[in-house]
Amino acid sequence: MSLEQQISAVAEIRRRPDGSAYRSLPYAEQQQLAAQSGSDHHAVQIAALQLDIVPEVYARNQTSLSCREQLELLRAGVAIIGLGGLGGAVCEMLARIGIGRLTLIDGDRFADSNLNRQLLSSTESLGHFKAEVAARRIGNVNPAVICRPVPEFLTTENGVDLLGGVTVAVDCLDSIPARLLLQDLCASQELVLVSAAIGGTSGQATVIMPGDEGLYRIYRGNEATVVGAEGRLGTLPFTAMAMAAVECAEVVAVALGRPAALRNRLLVTDLDDHSTMVIDLPERKPNGSR
């Protein structure tokens, strides 16, 4: 019996909160099929979605996401650069929504000061590489996600290799020079960059397509500034979570081929008074005019 036939045989009819029915593959059955067939969870989920059978882990993604769209996410490759306050939350959300391949890049280890805001940090993870902790966490949340943990910092020398095989990179870094290096690497490989930054109760986010001026427009005159707003204002957990959610929404849109709402736009929010505005950043023409 083929894997597809086995999945069809164990699929259950379940109902969403609105009463509509769908065919479901519960996790226990997914796990058993993976063990019996010699396939991994990733392959089992792909086979199920191709049959319009919903792995139960994604049941509440519907009907915002169809089986076809869920399949697109499972086939997508995303790199997350920086696994701190922003990056840890981005990892968690992308794994839960079903991005199928994640490259996790960070050469840092967890320290006590991370515990206030970094979702992946715990007293047990202190001293451990963030990339390795992230991969273990994702394996426990959604074993269908194929992780590539990279306990290294992104550099000019390793960037092309580390960003290979992905279509979207997520900037969760904490210095302007590192962000600009990432944008340059993405441009050279024609990758979409989703970027966010936080400081205190404030955050900003944007999306940069290859060829866009992007962060150079935002940070012009401050390109060499290593310590940004978060160094002066601190980093609060709710700000990190909120801006990570914005990044994830844009990653999903790009992965599904939808327009990126924040391309050439900068979302700026302050959770102190819950004010939010979106600033247009029209690309400059070659002669410097708009």
C-alpha atoms as a PDB file:
ATOM      1  CA  MET A   1       0.000   0.000   0.000  1.00  0.00           C
ATOM      2  CA  SER A   2       1.398   3.398  -0.993  1.00  0.00           C
ATOM      3  CA  LEU A   3       1.918   6.213   1.496  1.00  0.00           C
ATOM      4  CA  GLU A   4      -1.000   8.095  -0.075  1.00  0.00           C
ATOM      5  CA  GLN A   5      -3.276   5.073   0.328  1.00  0.00           C
ATOM      6  CA  GLN A   6      -2.225   4.673   3.949  1.00  0.00           C
ATOM      7  CA  ILE A   7      -2.940   8.340   4.647  1.00  0.00           C
ATOM      8  CA  SER A   8      -6.389   8.090   3.039  1.00  0.00           C
ATOM      9  CA  ALA A   9      -7.157   4.985   5.092  1.00  0.00           C
ATOM     10  CA  VAL A  10      -6.444   6.653   8.456  1.00  0.00           C
ATOM     11  CA  ALA A  11      -7.775  10.157   7.696  1.00  0.00           C
ATOM     12  CA  GLU A  12     -10.667  11.272   9.886  1.00  0.00           C
ATOM     13  CA  ILE A  13     -13.617  13.532   9.180  1.00  0.00           C
ATOM     14  CA  ARG A  14     -13.563  16.443  11.620  1.00  0.00           C
ATOM     15  CA  ARG A  15     -15.352  19.766  11.845  1.00  0.00           C
ATOM     16  CA  ARG A  16     -14.038  23.266  12.196  1.00  0.00           C
ATOM     17  CA  PRO A  17     -15.499  25.662  14.778  1.00  0.00           C
ATOM     18  CA  ASP A  18     -17.899  26.959  12.098  1.00  0.00           C
ATOM     19  CA  GLY A  19     -19.230  23.432  11.525  1.00  0.00           C
ATOM     20  CA  SER A  20     -17.638  22.857   8.116  1.00  0.00           C
ATOM     21  CA  ALA A  21     -16.095  19.428   7.595  1.00  0.00           C
ATOM     22  CA  TYR A  22     -12.575  18.533   6.545  1.00  0.00           C
ATOM     23  CA  ARG A  23     -10.407  15.421   6.300  1.00  0.00           C
ATOM     24  CA  SER A  24      -7.812  15.361   9.041  1.00  0.00           C
ATOM     25  CA  LEU A  25      -4.535  13.544   9.659  1.00  0.00           C
ATOM     26  CA  PRO A  26      -3.998  13.512  13.460  1.00  0.00           C
ATOM     27  CA  TYR A  27      -0.451  13.782  14.759  1.00  0.00           C
ATOM     28  CA  ALA A  28      -0.442  10.253  16.230  1.00  0.00           C
ATOM     29  CA  GLU A  29      -1.288   8.822  12.803  1.00  0.00           C
ATOM     30  CA  GLN A  30       1.280  11.067  11.119  1.00  0.00           C
ATOM     31  CA  GLN A  31       3.944   9.833  13.513  1.00  0.00           C
ATOM     32  CA  GLN A  32       3.031   6.195  12.946  1.00  0.00           C
ATOM     33  CA  LEU A  33       3.004   6.589   9.163  1.00  0.00           C
ATOM     34  CA  ALA A  34       6.419   8.224   9.215  1.00  0.00           C
ATOM     35  CA  ALA A  35       7.839   5.339  11.243  1.00  0.00           C
ATOM     36  CA  GLN A  36       6.172   2.606   9.172  1.00  0.00           C
ATOM     37  CA  SER A  37       6.966   4.047   5.753  1.00  0.00           C
ATOM     38  CA  GLY A  38      10.511   5.185   6.461  1.00  0.00           C
ATOM     39  CA  SER A  39       9.503   8.686   5.370  1.00  0.00           C
ATOM     40  CA  ASP A  40       9.996  11.785   7.477  1.00  0.00           C
ATOM     41  CA  HIS A  41       7.173  13.932   8.834  1.00  0.00           C
ATOM     42  CA  HIS A  42       7.803  16.485   6.081  1.00  0.00           C
ATOM     43  CA  ALA A  43       7.078  13.940   3.339  1.00  0.00           C
ATOM     44  CA  VAL A  44       4.000  12.616   5.139  1.00  0.00           C
ATOM     45  CA  GLN A  45       2.516  16.105   5.469  1.00  0.00           C
ATOM     46  CA  ILE A  46       3.193  16.879   1.806  1.00  0.00           C
ATOM     47  CA  ALA A  47       1.508  13.667   0.717  1.00  0.00           C
ATOM     48  CA  ALA A  48      -1.510  14.417   2.919  1.00  0.00           C
ATOM     49  CA  LEU A  49      -1.939  17.980   1.656  1.00  0.00           C
ATOM     50  CA  GLN A  50      -1.723  16.801  -1.948  1.00  0.00           C
ATOM     51  CA  LEU A  51      -4.804  14.686  -1.136  1.00  0.00           C
ATOM     52  CA  ASP A  52      -6.567  17.697   0.472  1.00  0.00           C
ATOM     53  CA  ILE A  53      -6.139  16.020   3.842  1.00  0.00           C
ATOM     54  CA  VAL A  54      -5.166  18.489   6.552  1.00  0.00           C
ATOM     55  CA  PRO A  55      -2.454  17.531   9.055  1.00  0.00           C
ATOM     56  CA  GLU A  56      -4.284  18.387  12.258  1.00  0.00           C
ATOM     57  CA  VAL A  57      -1.464  20.707  13.333  1.00  0.00           C
ATOM     58  CA  TYR A  58      -2.683  23.081  10.592  1.00  0.00           C
ATOM     59  CA  ALA A  59      -6.423  22.710  11.185  1.00  0.00           C
ATOM     60  CA  ARG A  60      -6.758  26.190  12.684  1.00  0.00           C
ATOM     61  CA  ASN A  61      -4.802  27.720   9.793  1.00  0.00           C
ATOM     62  CA  GLN A  62      -7.877  27.042   7.687  1.00  0.00           C
ATOM     63  CA  THR A  63      -9.817  28.580   6.127  1.00  0.00           C
ATOM     64  CA  SER A  64      -7.375  31.488   5.978  1.00  0.00           C
ATOM     65  CA  LEU A  65      -4.991  29.077   4.259  1.00  0.00           C
ATOM     66  CA  SER A  66      -6.129  26.409   1.783  1.00  0.00           C
ATOM     67  CA  CYS A  67      -4.480  22.994   1.473  1.00  0.00           C
ATOM     68  CA  ARG A  68      -2.724  24.248  -1.666  1.00  0.00           C
ATOM     69  CA  GLU A  69      -1.362  27.276   0.178  1.00  0.00           C
ATOM     70  CA  GLN A  70      -0.354  25.156   3.157  1.00  0.00           C
ATOM     71  CA  LEU A  71       1.548  22.962   0.728  1.00  0.00           C
ATOM     72  CA  GLU A  72       3.334  26.021  -0.682  1.00  0.00           C
ATOM     73  CA  LEU A  73       4.426  27.027   2.815  1.00  0.00           C
ATOM     74  CA  LEU A  74       5.674  23.521   3.549  1.00  0.00           C
ATOM     75  CA  ARG A  75       7.827  23.675   0.422  1.00  0.00           C
ATOM     76  CA  ALA A  76       9.182  27.156   1.212  1.00  0.00           C
ATOM     77  CA  GLY A  77      12.699  27.843   2.492  1.00  0.00           C
ATOM     78  CA  VAL A  78      13.345  30.727   4.909  1.00  0.00           C
ATOM     79  CA  ALA A  79      16.533  31.848   6.661  1.00  0.00           C
ATOM     80  CA  ILE A  80      16.290  33.573  10.037  1.00  0.00           C
ATOM     81  CA  ILE A  81      19.362  35.610  10.880  1.00  0.00           C
ATOM     82  CA  GLY A  82      19.602  36.388  14.581  1.00  0.00           C
ATOM     83  CA  LEU A  83      17.794  34.185  17.095  1.00  0.00           C
ATOM     84  CA  GLY A  84      17.229  36.572  19.970  1.00  0.00           C
ATOM     85  CA  GLY A  85      14.042  38.407  20.917  1.00  0.00           C
ATOM     86  CA  LEU A  86      12.831  38.860  17.356  1.00  0.00           C
ATOM     87  CA  GLY A  87      14.340  35.713  15.869  1.00  0.00           C
ATOM     88  CA  GLY A  88      13.163  33.314  18.554  1.00  0.00           C
ATOM     89  CA  ALA A  89       9.569  34.442  18.155  1.00  0.00           C
ATOM     90  CA  VAL A  90       9.867  34.340  14.348  1.00  0.00           C
ATOM     91  CA  CYS A  91      11.147  30.739  14.570  1.00  0.00           C
ATOM     92  CA  GLU A  92       8.227  29.715  16.731  1.00  0.00           C
ATOM     93  CA  MET A  93       5.557  31.285  14.550  1.00  0.00           C
ATOM     94  CA  LEU A  94       6.955  30.102  11.228  1.00  0.00           C
ATOM     95  CA  ALA A  95       7.283  26.534  12.518  1.00  0.00           C
ATOM     96  CA  ARG A  96       3.717  26.547  13.806  1.00  0.00           C
ATOM     97  CA  ILE A  97       2.231  27.958  10.604  1.00  0.00           C
ATOM     98  CA  GLY A  98       4.142  25.362   8.586  1.00  0.00           C
ATOM     99  CA  ILE A  99       7.121  26.917   6.785  1.00  0.00           C
ATOM    100  CA  GLY A 100       8.824  23.679   5.786  1.00  0.00           C
ATOM    101  CA  ARG A 101      12.525  24.551   5.715  1.00  0.00           C
ATOM    102  CA  LEU A 102      14.243  26.896   8.147  1.00  0.00           C
ATOM    103  CA  THR A 103      17.901  27.911   8.197  1.00  0.00           C
ATOM    104  CA  LEU A 104      18.694  29.198  11.702  1.00  0.00           C
ATOM    105  CA  ILE A 105      21.749  31.465  11.829  1.00  0.00           C
ATOM    106  CA  ASP A 106      23.302  32.846  15.017  1.00  0.00           C
ATOM    107  CA  GLY A 107      26.757  32.341  16.515  1.00  0.00           C
ATOM    108  CA  ASP A 108      25.698  33.553  19.958  1.00  0.00           C
ATOM    109  CA  ARG A 109      24.907  31.560  23.109  1.00  0.00           C
ATOM    110  CA  PHE A 110      22.107  32.253  25.588  1.00  0.00           C
ATOM    111  CA  ALA A 111      22.906  34.468  28.583  1.00  0.00           C
ATOM    112  CA  ASP A 112      20.969  35.533  31.669  1.00  0.00           C
ATOM    113  CA  SER A 113      20.049  38.891  30.144  1.00  0.00           C
ATOM    114  CA  ASN A 114      18.134  37.117  27.356  1.00  0.00           C
ATOM    115  CA  LEU A 115      15.550  35.656  29.717  1.00  0.00           C
ATOM    116  CA  ASN A 116      13.374  38.773  29.809  1.00  0.00           C
ATOM    117  CA  ARG A 117      12.314  38.538  26.166  1.00  0.00           C
ATOM    118  CA  GLN A 118      13.850  35.706  24.147  1.00  0.00           C
ATOM    119  CA  LEU A 119      11.271  32.967  23.674  1.00  0.00           C
ATOM    120  CA  LEU A 120      13.859  30.237  23.133  1.00  0.00           C
ATOM    121  CA  SER A 121      15.851  31.087  26.256  1.00  0.00           C
ATOM    122  CA  SER A 122      15.428  29.326  29.593  1.00  0.00           C
ATOM    123  CA  THR A 123      17.583  28.679  32.617  1.00  0.00           C
ATOM    124  CA  GLU A 124      18.347  25.272  31.097  1.00  0.00           C
ATOM    125  CA  SER A 125      19.548  26.785  27.796  1.00  0.00           C
ATOM    126  CA  LEU A 126      22.029  29.248  29.324  1.00  0.00           C
ATOM    127  CA  GLY A 127      25.427  28.837  27.706  1.00  0.00           C
ATOM    128  CA  HIS A 128      24.041  26.829  24.768  1.00  0.00           C
ATOM    129  CA  PHE A 129      24.143  27.940  21.126  1.00  0.00           C
ATOM    130  CA  LYS A 130      20.924  29.699  20.161  1.00  0.00           C
ATOM    131  CA  ALA A 131      20.810  27.981  16.759  1.00  0.00           C
ATOM    132  CA  GLU A 132      20.968  24.511  18.279  1.00  0.00           C
ATOM    133  CA  VAL A 133      18.359  25.294  20.935  1.00  0.00           C
ATOM    134  CA  ALA A 134      16.094  26.718  18.217  1.00  0.00           C
ATOM    135  CA  ALA A 135      16.353  23.568  16.111  1.00  0.00           C
ATOM    136  CA  ARG A 136      15.483  21.338  19.086  1.00  0.00           C
ATOM    137  CA  ARG A 137      12.521  23.542  19.958  1.00  0.00           C
ATOM    138  CA  ILE A 138      11.174  23.440  16.402  1.00  0.00           C
ATOM    139  CA  GLY A 139      11.585  19.665  16.303  1.00  0.00           C
ATOM    140  CA  ASN A 140       9.318  19.419  19.341  1.00  0.00           C
ATOM    141  CA  VAL A 141       6.763  21.893  17.976  1.00  0.00           C
ATOM    142  CA  ASN A 142       6.505  20.626  14.387  1.00  0.00           C
ATOM    143  CA  PRO A 143       8.822  17.764  13.334  1.00  0.00           C
ATOM    144  CA  ALA A 144       7.774  18.261   9.703  1.00  0.00           C
ATOM    145  CA  VAL A 145       9.916  21.410   9.597  1.00  0.00           C
ATOM    146  CA  ILE A 146      13.403  20.638   8.279  1.00  0.00           C
ATOM    147  CA  CYS A 147      15.912  22.743  10.237  1.00  0.00           C
ATOM    148  CA  ARG A 148      19.469  23.694   9.416  1.00  0.00           C
ATOM    149  CA  PRO A 149      21.010  25.132  12.591  1.00  0.00           C
ATOM    150  CA  VAL A 150      24.081  27.293  11.950  1.00  0.00           C
ATOM    151  CA  PRO A 151      25.920  28.325  15.153  1.00  0.00           C
ATOM    152  CA  GLU A 152      27.912  30.994  13.279  1.00  0.00           C
ATOM    153  CA  PHE A 153      27.569  34.695  12.622  1.00  0.00           C
ATOM    154  CA  LEU A 154      26.708  35.733   9.066  1.00  0.00           C
ATOM    155  CA  THR A 155      29.723  37.171   7.237  1.00  0.00           C
ATOM    156  CA  THR A 156      30.745  38.150   3.736  1.00  0.00           C
ATOM    157  CA  GLU A 157      32.713  34.911   3.518  1.00  0.00           C
ATOM    158  CA  ASN A 158      29.991  32.456   4.589  1.00  0.00           C
ATOM    159  CA  GLY A 159      26.891  34.370   3.502  1.00  0.00           C
ATOM    160  CA  VAL A 160      26.425  32.851   0.052  1.00  0.00           C
ATOM    161  CA  ASP A 161      26.608  29.312   1.443  1.00  0.00           C
ATOM    162  CA  LEU A 162      24.394  29.958   4.465  1.00  0.00           C
ATOM    163  CA  LEU A 163      21.662  31.647   2.443  1.00  0.00           C
ATOM    164  CA  GLY A 164      21.627  28.985  -0.253  1.00  0.00           C
ATOM    165  CA  GLY A 165      18.365  27.135  -0.807  1.00  0.00           C
ATOM    166  CA  VAL A 166      16.066  29.821   0.605  1.00  0.00           C
ATOM    167  CA  THR A 167      13.884  32.443  -1.054  1.00  0.00           C
ATOM    168  CA  VAL A 168      13.257  34.711   1.937  1.00  0.00           C
ATOM    169  CA  ALA A 169      15.624  35.969   4.648  1.00  0.00           C
ATOM    170  CA  VAL A 170      14.386  37.436   7.919  1.00  0.00           C
ATOM    171  CA  ASP A 171      16.478  40.174   9.529  1.00  0.00           C
ATOM    172  CA  CYS A 172      16.408  39.786  13.310  1.00  0.00           C
ATOM    173  CA  LEU A 173      19.795  41.401  13.880  1.00  0.00           C
ATOM    174  CA  ASP A 174      20.777  44.130  16.320  1.00  0.00           C
ATOM    175  CA  SER A 175      23.252  46.367  14.488  1.00  0.00           C
ATOM    176  CA  ILE A 176      23.013  48.507  11.367  1.00  0.00           C
ATOM    177  CA  PRO A 177      26.252  47.242   9.722  1.00  0.00           C
ATOM    178  CA  ALA A 178      25.072  43.625  10.123  1.00  0.00           C
ATOM    179  CA  ARG A 179      21.687  44.492   8.613  1.00  0.00           C
ATOM    180  CA  LEU A 180      23.284  46.220   5.618  1.00  0.00           C
ATOM    181  CA  LEU A 181      25.599  43.255   5.052  1.00  0.00           C
ATOM    182  CA  LEU A 182      22.563  40.963   5.059  1.00  0.00           C
ATOM    183  CA  GLN A 183      20.753  43.186   2.545  1.00  0.00           C
ATOM    184  CA  ASP A 184      23.800  43.134   0.255  1.00  0.00           C
ATOM    185  CA  LEU A 185      23.989  39.333   0.436  1.00  0.00           C
ATOM    186  CA  CYS A 186      20.262  39.021  -0.290  1.00  0.00           C
ATOM    187  CA  ALA A 187      20.554  41.360  -3.276  1.00  0.00           C
ATOM    188  CA  SER A 188      23.450  39.341  -4.699  1.00  0.00           C
ATOM    189  CA  GLN A 189      21.370  36.138  -4.487  1.00  0.00           C
ATOM    190  CA  GLU A 190      18.036  37.731  -5.444  1.00  0.00           C
ATOM    191  CA  LEU A 191      16.414  36.937  -2.116  1.00  0.00           C
ATOM    192  CA  VAL A 192      13.567  38.847  -0.507  1.00  0.00           C
ATOM    193  CA  LEU A 193      14.529  40.405   2.842  1.00  0.00           C
ATOM    194  CA  VAL A 194      11.990  40.971   5.615  1.00  0.00           C
ATOM    195  CA  SER A 195      13.494  43.312   8.200  1.00  0.00           C
ATOM    196  CA  ALA A 196      12.485  44.567  11.639  1.00  0.00           C
ATOM    197  CA  ALA A 197      14.124  46.439  14.486  1.00  0.00           C
ATOM    198  CA  ILE A 198      13.051  47.229  18.036  1.00  0.00           C
ATOM    199  CA  GLY A 199      13.998  49.555  20.877  1.00  0.00           C
ATOM    200  CA  GLY A 200      12.076  49.936  24.114  1.00  0.00           C
ATOM    201  CA  THR A 201       8.373  50.036  23.282  1.00  0.00           C
ATOM    202  CA  SER A 202       8.945  50.955  19.624  1.00  0.00           C
ATOM    203  CA  GLY A 203       9.535  48.895  16.513  1.00  0.00           C
ATOM    204  CA  GLN A 204       9.744  49.172  12.742  1.00  0.00           C
ATOM    205  CA  ALA A 205       9.455  46.734   9.834  1.00  0.00           C
ATOM    206  CA  THR A 206       9.874  46.757   6.058  1.00  0.00           C
ATOM    207  CA  VAL A 207      10.261  44.386   3.086  1.00  0.00           C
ATOM    208  CA  ILE A 208      13.107  44.712   0.592  1.00  0.00           C
ATOM    209  CA  MET A 209      13.113  43.123  -2.855  1.00  0.00           C
ATOM    210  CA  PRO A 210      16.375  42.640  -4.806  1.00  0.00           C
ATOM    211  CA  GLY A 211      17.357  46.007  -6.269  1.00  0.00           C
ATOM    212  CA  ASP A 212      15.418  48.073  -3.716  1.00  0.00           C
ATOM    213  CA  GLU A 213      17.323  50.752  -1.826  1.00  0.00           C
ATOM    214  CA  GLY A 214      15.765  49.415   1.368  1.00  0.00           C
ATOM    215  CA  LEU A 215      17.780  49.795   4.538  1.00  0.00           C
ATOM    216  CA  TYR A 216      20.271  52.149   2.913  1.00  0.00           C
ATOM    217  CA  ARG A 217      17.423  54.617   2.549  1.00  0.00           C
ATOM    218  CA  ILE A 218      16.309  54.182   6.157  1.00  0.00           C
ATOM    219  CA  TYR A 219      19.770  54.304   7.740  1.00  0.00           C
ATOM    220  CA  ARG A 220      21.505  56.804   5.439  1.00  0.00           C
ATOM    221  CA  GLY A 221      24.113  58.679   7.473  1.00  0.00           C
ATOM    222  CA  ASN A 222      24.127  56.023  10.210  1.00  0.00           C
ATOM    223  CA  GLU A 223      25.626  53.125   8.284  1.00  0.00           C
ATOM    224  CA  ALA A 224      28.484  52.634  10.764  1.00  0.00           C
ATOM    225  CA  THR A 225      26.332  52.810  13.906  1.00  0.00           C
ATOM    226  CA  VAL A 226      26.816  49.528  15.734  1.00  0.00           C
ATOM    227  CA  VAL A 227      24.636  50.176  18.798  1.00  0.00           C
ATOM    228  CA  GLY A 228      21.174  51.334  17.771  1.00  0.00           C
ATOM    229  CA  ALA A 229      18.008  52.313  19.607  1.00  0.00           C
ATOM    230  CA  GLU A 230      17.755  49.048  21.519  1.00  0.00           C
ATOM    231  CA  GLY A 231      21.158  49.748  23.089  1.00  0.00           C
ATOM    232  CA  ARG A 232      19.790  53.004  24.526  1.00  0.00           C
ATOM    233  CA  LEU A 233      16.189  52.008  25.221  1.00  0.00           C
ATOM    234  CA  GLY A 234      16.474  48.341  26.118  1.00  0.00           C
ATOM    235  CA  THR A 235      14.447  45.499  24.606  1.00  0.00           C
ATOM    236  CA  LEU A 236      11.049  44.587  25.986  1.00  0.00           C
ATOM    237  CA  PRO A 237       9.346  41.234  25.415  1.00  0.00           C
ATOM    238  CA  PHE A 238       6.058  42.528  24.055  1.00  0.00           C
ATOM    239  CA  THR A 239       7.814  44.738  21.500  1.00  0.00           C
ATOM    240  CA  ALA A 240       9.872  41.802  20.254  1.00  0.00           C
ATOM    241  CA  MET A 241       6.806  39.564  19.950  1.00  0.00           C
ATOM    242  CA  ALA A 242       4.751  42.228  18.169  1.00  0.00           C
ATOM    243  CA  MET A 243       7.380  43.016  15.540  1.00  0.00           C
ATOM    244  CA  ALA A 244       8.167  39.324  15.044  1.00  0.00           C
ATOM    245  CA  ALA A 245       4.487  38.819  14.216  1.00  0.00           C
ATOM    246  CA  VAL A 246       4.685  41.565  11.595  1.00  0.00           C
ATOM    247  CA  GLU A 247       7.744  39.917  10.045  1.00  0.00           C
ATOM    248  CA  CYS A 248       6.014  36.524   9.948  1.00  0.00           C
ATOM    249  CA  ALA A 249       2.933  37.964   8.238  1.00  0.00           C
ATOM    250  CA  GLU A 250       5.156  39.382   5.492  1.00  0.00           C
ATOM    251  CA  VAL A 251       7.138  36.132   5.163  1.00  0.00           C
ATOM    252  CA  VAL A 252       3.924  34.167   4.640  1.00  0.00           C
ATOM    253  CA  ALA A 253       2.682  36.675   2.052  1.00  0.00           C
ATOM    254  CA  VAL A 254       5.939  36.443   0.094  1.00  0.00           C
ATOM    255  CA  ALA A 255       6.043  32.639   0.333  1.00  0.00           C
ATOM    256  CA  LEU A 256       2.523  32.476  -1.111  1.00  0.00           C
ATOM    257  CA  GLY A 257       3.298  34.890  -3.947  1.00  0.00           C
ATOM    258  CA  ARG A 258       1.092  37.607  -2.513  1.00  0.00           C
ATOM    259  CA  PRO A 259       2.089  41.295  -2.632  1.00  0.00           C
ATOM    260  CA  ALA A 260       4.352  42.343   0.232  1.00  0.00           C
ATOM    261  CA  ALA A 261       2.362  45.058   1.992  1.00  0.00           C
ATOM    262  CA  LEU A 262       5.515  46.659   3.411  1.00  0.00           C
ATOM    263  CA  ARG A 263       7.643  46.791   0.269  1.00  0.00           C
ATOM    264  CA  ASN A 264       8.997  50.363  -0.023  1.00  0.00           C
ATOM    265  CA  ARG A 265       7.040  51.178   3.130  1.00  0.00           C
ATOM    266  CA  LEU A 266       8.130  51.395   6.759  1.00  0.00           C
ATOM    267  CA  LEU A 267       5.728  50.359   9.489  1.00  0.00           C
ATOM    268  CA  VAL A 268       6.530  52.209  12.716  1.00  0.00           C
ATOM    269  CA  THR A 269       4.740  51.401  15.955  1.00  0.00           C
ATOM    270  CA  ASP A 270       4.979  52.436  19.604  1.00  0.00           C
ATOM    271  CA  LEU A 271       3.287  50.114  22.058  1.00  0.00           C
ATOM    272  CA  ASP A 272       3.478  52.737  24.793  1.00  0.00           C
ATOM    273  CA  ASP A 273       0.482  54.542  23.293  1.00  0.00           C
ATOM    274  CA  HIS A 274      -0.413  51.913  20.621  1.00  0.00           C
ATOM    275  CA  SER A 275       0.231  54.360  17.798  1.00  0.00           C
ATOM    276  CA  THR A 276       1.114  52.941  14.389  1.00  0.00           C
ATOM    277  CA  MET A 277       1.887  54.576  11.076  1.00  0.00           C
ATOM    278  CA  VAL A 278       3.110  53.367   7.702  1.00  0.00           C
ATOM    279  CA  ILE A 279       5.549  55.653   5.908  1.00  0.00           C
ATOM    280  CA  ASP A 280       5.902  55.394   2.132  1.00  0.00           C
ATOM    281  CA  LEU A 281       9.484  54.996   0.939  1.00  0.00           C
ATOM    282  CA  PRO A 282       9.253  55.474  -2.838  1.00  0.00           C
ATOM    283  CA  GLU A 283      12.353  54.342  -4.664  1.00  0.00           C
ATOM    284  CA  ARG A 284      14.654  57.097  -5.887  1.00  0.00           C
ATOM    285  CA  LYS A 285      15.238  57.437  -9.617  1.00  0.00           C
ATOM    286  CA  PRO A 286      18.831  57.107 -10.907  1.00  0.00           C
ATOM    287  CA  ASN A 287      19.319  60.888 -10.991  1.00  0.00           C
ATOM    288  CA  GLY A 288      18.386  61.105  -7.302  1.00  0.00           C
ATOM    289  CA  SER A 289      14.873  62.508  -7.851  1.00  0.00           C
ATOM    290  CA  ARG A 290      11.687  60.714  -6.909  1.00  0.00           C
END
